[in-house]
Structure formats: C-alpha cells, structure tokens
Amino acid sequence: MMKDVVENAVWAKTQALIQDKYGKRIAFKTIDLTNSAMPSFLEGDDLIVPLNTKPVYLGEVIVNRGSLLSTQQREEVIDLIRFLVEPHVYNKHLKLKEEIEAYKRQMAAEAVENEDSNVLSLFNDEDTEELSLVKLINSVIHLRSANAMTRKKVALKIHDMAEQNLFVSFSDIARQMHSVEEFKSFDKTTVFVEDISQLNDQELGLLNAACALKVEGLVFIIGSNLADKQIDALSMSRELKADMNAILFDIDRLPFAQQTSTDVLELLFFSSSNSNIQN
C-alpha cells in the first residue's frame, strides 16, 4: 500500500502544497509506533503525524525538520495531512481489503469449478485510474460547518467539479416524493441536504432509503454542524453514519481561501488522477 500512497496524485499535490508554503518535505511510513495514538509528536527534528481512522492504524506522515515550524504552522500542516492524506490512505486501505476478499472469493469459486482460467490481478488499478474520468469516491459526502452558506458554497463547487447536471434541495423534493423508488429516475443529480439535524423522522427515513439505493450518477451532499457522536445518535443506518463519518470535510478547520480550493476538494472526494478541472 505504501507504493500506492506515495505515487498517487493525492500525495504529490499534498507534498507540493507543504513544500511551497512551509518549505518542508514529507515521507510516509507504515510502521506502527507506540505513539501512534497521539495526534502528533516530535521525533528529533521531525514532526510525526500518525494516521488513524477509527480503530484502524494507517501509518504515519513524517514532516522533515517539522520541529522548526511555529506552533501555528505545525497545526496547519497537521490539518492539511488529516484532510488530504488520511482519507486517501483510508480509502486505499478499504479498497485493498475489498480486493483481497474478492480475490479469495474468486479463488474459492475457481477451485470448486475446477477451472483452469488465469486469475486476473486485482491489486493494480493504475490502468483503470489512467482511463477514468472525473469521478467522486462515494455517493454520500458530509460537509461540516457552522455556516449554512459555506456548506452550500462548497456543495455547489463539488457539484460543478463532478460535472453533474442537476443540483436540487432534498427538502424541496422530499415534499413531492411518493416513493423512494422515484430517486432511481434521477440522472447525474446532486441532492443537497442543507442541515440533516433539521430533518424530521420521515425525511430521515427517506434520505436513508435513498442513499441505500446507490443509483449511478445520484450524489447526496449532506450538510451539518454535528459532531461524530451526534451523527451516531441519528435514526439512520450504520452504513449511512459510517459514510458521513468517513467521507467528511470539516470546512471550518481550513483557511477561508482553501475551503473551495479545487486541489483540496479533488484530493478529498475525487478518484481521478488525470482530471482536467481548473480553478
């Protein structure tokens, strides 16, 4: 997985951002340290940022001579790594896990059927990435901010980058829906939930069912100012809660100028490494 991380556009762009703004280079290691539970720590002159998503240890990012940065600069670098590198590495971890399970299932099926066909490699997605168009990594995205206008501004930016056709308010269409099946007719549509905490039980149920459909081209961008524990308390499926906690942008933690940055949003939410999107 280490090679996949450091040779991906996400890592290259993050490294370029930190190099240009702070004059520091970064490196990635997968060695588990006793300090991995800490948010960050110094080791000699280096700043170490462990990557942890829930109970999963993903590795660590080493900021070369990061101890020489000011406290504010360290916090900014740590935030960039948390926002850009950690979700990318976690997605790689999940993808590798899924590929391994798929490989095991395929091998088991071939053993039962006693087929002699060659097993295709499931561990190299470079060719697929080169041919892929701009594509969101998930059909559910959570935008967290105390400002409703900021949430909508970022949602519209993601909608444009994804080259979706329609941008609609969930509250507006929920009143007109007679069945969740109607969502299946939505093509290249972004459904924006302004604030999930303001939905009633019926609307939450509809949203939960609609997200579970996984309709191609249908994207749900969910806004809120809820902490992870508050999300876990909502009346929704575990899958939707997991998506909201994993595919998350804490907008207010980034400087205003970077909140709608194409580079930041592309690294957080898009899988294509050859995007032609421009700021």
Protein backbone atom coordinates (compact mmCIF):
# COMPACT_ATOMS: atom_id res chain seq x y z
CA MET A 1 0.00 0.00 0.00
CA MET A 2 2.94 2.34 0.67
CA LYS A 3 3.80 2.50 -3.05
CA ASP A 4 0.16 3.24 -3.94
CA VAL A 5 0.12 6.14 -1.46
CA VAL A 6 3.35 7.95 -2.38
CA GLU A 7 2.95 7.50 -6.16
CA ASN A 8 -0.62 8.83 -6.23
CA ALA A 9 -1.58 12.38 -7.24
CA VAL A 10 -3.05 12.99 -3.77
CA TRP A 11 0.35 12.53 -2.13
CA ALA A 12 2.18 14.52 -4.82
CA LYS A 13 -0.14 17.50 -4.52
CA THR A 14 -0.11 17.44 -0.71
CA GLN A 15 3.67 17.33 -0.71
CA ALA A 16 3.79 20.21 -3.19
CA LEU A 17 1.43 22.31 -1.04
CA ILE A 18 3.51 21.76 2.11
CA GLN A 19 6.80 22.27 0.25
CA ASP A 20 5.64 25.52 -1.38
CA LYS A 21 4.06 27.07 1.72
CA TYR A 22 6.24 25.74 4.54
CA GLY A 23 9.44 24.62 2.82
CA LYS A 24 9.21 21.09 4.27
CA ARG A 25 9.21 17.66 2.65
CA ILE A 26 7.08 14.76 3.85
CA ALA A 27 7.52 11.00 3.88
CA PHE A 28 5.17 8.08 4.59
CA LYS A 29 5.80 5.03 6.78
CA THR A 30 3.55 2.12 7.67
CA ILE A 31 5.46 1.10 10.81
CA ASP A 32 3.22 1.04 13.90
CA LEU A 33 4.71 3.01 16.80
CA THR A 34 3.71 3.14 20.45
CA ASN A 35 2.95 6.83 19.94
CA SER A 36 0.52 6.14 17.08
CA ALA A 37 -2.49 7.02 19.27
CA MET A 38 -1.20 10.57 19.74
CA PRO A 39 -2.45 13.32 17.38
CA SER A 40 1.18 14.25 16.60
CA PHE A 41 4.60 14.26 18.22
CA LEU A 42 8.21 15.27 17.64
CA GLU A 43 10.97 12.77 16.98
CA GLY A 44 14.30 14.58 16.83
CA ASP A 45 13.83 17.44 14.37
CA ASP A 46 10.93 15.73 12.60
CA LEU A 47 7.20 16.20 13.14
CA ILE A 48 5.33 12.87 13.12
CA VAL A 49 1.63 12.77 12.21
CA PRO A 50 0.07 9.31 12.81
CA LEU A 51 -2.85 8.47 10.53
CA ASN A 52 -5.72 6.85 12.42
CA THR A 53 -9.29 6.39 11.20
CA LYS A 54 -11.45 4.95 13.97
CA PRO A 55 -9.63 1.81 15.23
CA VAL A 56 -7.53 1.42 12.07
CA TYR A 57 -3.86 2.44 12.19
CA LEU A 58 -2.87 3.50 8.66
CA GLY A 59 0.73 4.63 9.06
CA GLU A 60 2.40 7.94 9.70
CA VAL A 61 3.50 11.03 7.80
CA ILE A 62 6.93 12.41 8.66
CA VAL A 63 7.43 16.14 8.15
CA ASN A 64 11.17 16.59 7.68
CA ARG A 65 12.54 19.07 10.26
CA GLY A 66 8.96 19.94 11.17
CA SER A 67 10.07 20.87 14.70
CA LEU A 68 11.42 24.11 13.26
CA LEU A 69 7.93 25.27 12.26
CA SER A 70 5.98 27.60 14.52
CA THR A 71 3.11 26.14 16.55
CA GLN A 72 0.56 27.65 14.15
CA GLN A 73 2.41 26.31 11.11
CA ARG A 74 2.57 22.83 12.65
CA GLU A 75 -1.18 22.88 13.24
CA GLU A 76 -1.78 23.98 9.64
CA VAL A 77 0.46 21.22 8.28
CA ILE A 78 -1.23 18.61 10.51
CA ASP A 79 -4.67 19.79 9.31
CA LEU A 80 -3.60 19.52 5.65
CA ILE A 81 -2.33 15.98 6.23
CA ARG A 82 -5.50 15.00 8.12
CA PHE A 83 -7.77 16.45 5.40
CA LEU A 84 -5.89 15.28 2.32
CA VAL A 85 -3.66 12.29 3.06
CA GLU A 86 -5.61 10.44 5.78
CA PRO A 87 -8.89 9.99 3.79
CA HIS A 88 -6.85 8.92 0.76
CA VAL A 89 -4.86 6.33 2.72
CA TYR A 90 -8.03 5.06 4.43
CA ASN A 91 -9.75 4.61 1.06
CA LYS A 92 -6.70 2.70 -0.17
CA HIS A 93 -6.89 0.51 2.94
CA LEU A 94 -10.59 -0.25 2.35
CA LYS A 95 -10.05 -0.88 -1.34
CA LEU A 96 -7.16 -3.26 -0.67
CA LYS A 97 -9.23 -5.09 1.94
CA GLU A 98 -12.13 -5.44 -0.51
CA GLU A 99 -9.79 -6.62 -3.28
CA ILE A 100 -8.25 -9.25 -1.03
CA GLU A 101 -11.70 -10.57 -0.07
CA ALA A 102 -12.80 -10.53 -3.71
CA TYR A 103 -9.64 -12.37 -4.69
CA LYS A 104 -10.26 -15.03 -2.03
CA ARG A 105 -13.85 -15.49 -3.24
CA GLN A 106 -12.71 -15.79 -6.84
CA MET A 107 -10.05 -18.33 -5.95
CA ALA A 108 -12.55 -20.37 -3.92
CA ALA A 109 -15.07 -20.33 -6.77
CA GLU A 110 -12.46 -21.42 -9.30
CA ALA A 111 -11.34 -24.25 -7.02
CA VAL A 112 -14.91 -25.54 -6.77
CA GLU A 113 -15.48 -25.29 -10.50
CA ASN A 114 -12.00 -26.69 -11.22
CA GLU A 115 -11.44 -24.09 -13.90
CA ASP A 116 -8.02 -23.58 -15.44
CA SER A 117 -8.54 -19.93 -16.41
CA ASN A 118 -5.98 -17.45 -15.21
CA VAL A 119 -6.82 -15.23 -12.26
CA LEU A 120 -6.75 -11.58 -13.16
CA SER A 121 -4.76 -9.39 -10.79
CA LEU A 122 -6.95 -7.29 -8.54
CA PHE A 123 -4.14 -5.37 -6.95
CA ASN A 124 -3.11 -2.93 -9.68
CA ASP A 125 -5.58 -0.18 -10.53
CA GLU A 126 -3.14 2.13 -12.29
CA ASP A 127 -4.51 1.45 -15.80
CA THR A 128 -8.07 1.99 -14.60
CA GLU A 129 -7.12 5.30 -12.99
CA GLU A 130 -5.44 6.48 -16.19
CA LEU A 131 -8.58 5.81 -18.22
CA SER A 132 -11.11 7.03 -15.67
CA LEU A 133 -12.95 10.31 -15.97
CA VAL A 134 -13.64 12.70 -13.12
CA LYS A 135 -15.39 10.56 -10.53
CA LEU A 136 -16.46 11.03 -6.93
CA ILE A 137 -15.12 8.41 -4.50
CA ASN A 138 -18.53 7.98 -2.86
CA SER A 139 -22.19 8.77 -3.48
CA VAL A 140 -22.53 10.31 0.00
CA ILE A 141 -20.45 13.28 1.14
CA HIS A 142 -20.69 15.04 4.50
CA LEU A 143 -19.85 18.75 4.74
CA ARG A 144 -19.47 20.01 8.32
CA SER A 145 -19.53 23.74 9.06
CA ALA A 146 -21.24 26.14 11.43
CA ASN A 147 -22.15 28.34 8.45
CA ALA A 148 -25.00 27.15 6.22
CA MET A 149 -23.91 29.37 3.31
CA THR A 150 -20.39 27.95 3.47
CA ARG A 151 -21.77 24.43 3.30
CA LYS A 152 -23.83 25.27 0.23
CA LYS A 153 -20.93 27.07 -1.45
CA VAL A 154 -18.69 24.01 -1.07
CA ALA A 155 -21.51 21.69 -2.17
CA LEU A 156 -22.01 23.70 -5.37
CA LYS A 157 -18.28 23.58 -6.07
CA ILE A 158 -18.22 19.78 -5.71
CA HIS A 159 -21.33 19.55 -7.92
CA ASP A 160 -19.60 21.55 -10.67
CA MET A 161 -16.37 19.56 -10.39
CA ALA A 162 -18.30 16.29 -10.67
CA GLU A 163 -19.98 17.61 -13.83
CA GLN A 164 -23.44 16.77 -12.55
CA ASN A 165 -26.49 18.09 -14.41
CA LEU A 166 -28.97 18.99 -11.64
CA PHE A 167 -28.46 20.45 -8.16
CA VAL A 168 -31.61 20.10 -6.04
CA SER A 169 -32.57 20.65 -2.41
CA PHE A 170 -33.57 17.48 -0.57
CA SER A 171 -36.20 19.38 1.43
CA ASP A 172 -37.85 20.62 -1.78
CA ILE A 173 -38.11 17.23 -3.48
CA ALA A 174 -38.92 15.28 -0.29
CA ARG A 175 -42.31 17.01 -0.11
CA GLN A 176 -43.16 15.79 -3.62
CA MET A 177 -41.89 12.20 -3.28
CA HIS A 178 -44.42 9.38 -3.13
CA SER A 179 -41.84 6.59 -3.10
CA VAL A 180 -38.09 6.24 -2.65
CA GLU A 181 -38.08 4.41 -5.99
CA GLU A 182 -38.54 7.78 -7.69
CA PHE A 183 -34.89 8.54 -6.95
CA LYS A 184 -33.93 5.87 -9.50
CA SER A 185 -35.02 8.21 -12.28
CA PHE A 186 -32.54 10.92 -11.22
CA ASP A 187 -29.62 11.01 -13.65
CA LYS A 188 -26.39 12.90 -12.80
CA THR A 189 -28.18 14.70 -9.99
CA THR A 190 -26.75 16.19 -6.80
CA VAL A 191 -29.19 16.17 -3.89
CA PHE A 192 -28.16 18.70 -1.23
CA VAL A 193 -29.28 18.31 2.37
CA GLU A 194 -28.82 21.77 3.90
CA ASP A 195 -28.80 20.57 7.52
CA ILE A 196 -29.53 16.95 8.42
CA SER A 197 -30.26 17.90 12.02
CA GLN A 198 -33.35 19.81 10.80
CA LEU A 199 -34.96 16.78 9.10
CA ASN A 200 -37.92 15.08 10.74
CA ASP A 201 -38.10 11.30 11.20
CA GLN A 202 -39.98 10.78 7.95
CA GLU A 203 -37.43 12.81 5.98
CA LEU A 204 -34.56 10.98 7.67
CA GLY A 205 -36.11 7.68 6.69
CA LEU A 206 -36.47 8.80 3.08
CA LEU A 207 -32.88 10.04 2.97
CA ASN A 208 -31.61 6.80 4.48
CA ALA A 209 -33.51 4.69 1.95
CA ALA A 210 -32.47 6.90 -0.99
CA CYS A 211 -28.78 6.75 -0.09
CA ALA A 212 -29.01 2.95 0.20
CA LEU A 213 -30.17 2.70 -3.45
CA LYS A 214 -26.68 3.53 -4.75
CA VAL A 215 -28.06 4.86 -8.04
CA GLU A 216 -25.36 5.59 -10.62
CA GLY A 217 -24.97 9.36 -11.01
CA LEU A 218 -27.03 10.20 -7.92
CA VAL A 219 -24.96 12.02 -5.27
CA PHE A 220 -26.05 13.12 -1.80
CA ILE A 221 -24.14 16.00 -0.21
CA ILE A 222 -25.20 16.24 3.41
CA GLY A 223 -24.59 19.40 5.44
CA SER A 224 -24.46 19.65 9.21
CA ASN A 225 -22.62 21.06 12.19
CA LEU A 226 -22.85 17.78 14.12
CA ALA A 227 -20.02 16.07 15.95
CA ASP A 228 -19.35 12.38 15.25
CA LYS A 229 -21.20 11.28 18.41
CA GLN A 230 -24.25 13.34 17.39
CA ILE A 231 -24.24 11.67 13.98
CA ASP A 232 -24.09 8.25 15.64
CA ALA A 233 -27.23 9.19 17.60
CA LEU A 234 -29.30 9.93 14.47
CA SER A 235 -32.01 7.49 13.38
CA MET A 236 -30.14 6.21 10.34
CA SER A 237 -28.47 3.03 9.15
CA ARG A 238 -24.95 2.19 10.26
CA GLU A 239 -23.85 2.40 6.63
CA LEU A 240 -25.01 6.00 6.23
CA LYS A 241 -23.48 7.01 9.57
CA ALA A 242 -20.21 5.38 8.54
CA ASP A 243 -20.23 7.26 5.24
CA MET A 244 -20.88 10.57 6.98
CA ASN A 245 -18.06 10.00 9.45
CA ALA A 246 -15.58 8.75 6.84
CA ILE A 247 -16.31 10.88 3.75
CA LEU A 248 -16.19 14.13 5.67
CA PHE A 249 -14.90 17.66 5.12
CA ASP A 250 -14.55 19.77 8.28
CA ILE A 251 -14.71 23.01 6.33
CA ASP A 252 -14.17 25.45 9.19
CA ARG A 253 -10.79 23.92 10.04
CA LEU A 254 -9.28 25.15 6.78
CA PRO A 255 -8.44 28.78 5.98
CA PHE A 256 -11.23 30.57 4.10
CA ALA A 257 -9.20 30.77 0.89
CA GLN A 258 -8.78 26.97 0.78
CA GLN A 259 -12.36 25.98 1.60
CA THR A 260 -13.41 25.81 -2.06
CA SER A 261 -9.96 25.05 -3.48
CA THR A 262 -10.20 22.69 -6.44
CA ASP A 263 -6.99 20.95 -5.35
CA VAL A 264 -8.29 20.32 -1.83
CA LEU A 265 -11.72 19.09 -2.95
CA GLU A 266 -10.24 16.94 -5.70
CA LEU A 267 -7.91 15.23 -3.25
CA LEU A 268 -10.68 14.69 -0.71
CA PHE A 269 -13.51 13.46 -2.90
CA PHE A 270 -12.36 12.53 -6.42
CA SER A 271 -10.67 9.37 -7.64
CA SER A 272 -9.31 10.53 -10.98
CA SER A 273 -5.61 11.32 -11.12
CA ASN A 274 -5.86 12.90 -14.57
CA SER A 275 -8.59 15.45 -14.07
CA ASN A 276 -8.71 18.49 -16.34
CA ILE A 277 -10.60 20.59 -13.81
CA GLN A 278 -9.33 24.12 -13.41
CA ASN A 279 -9.82 26.56 -10.54
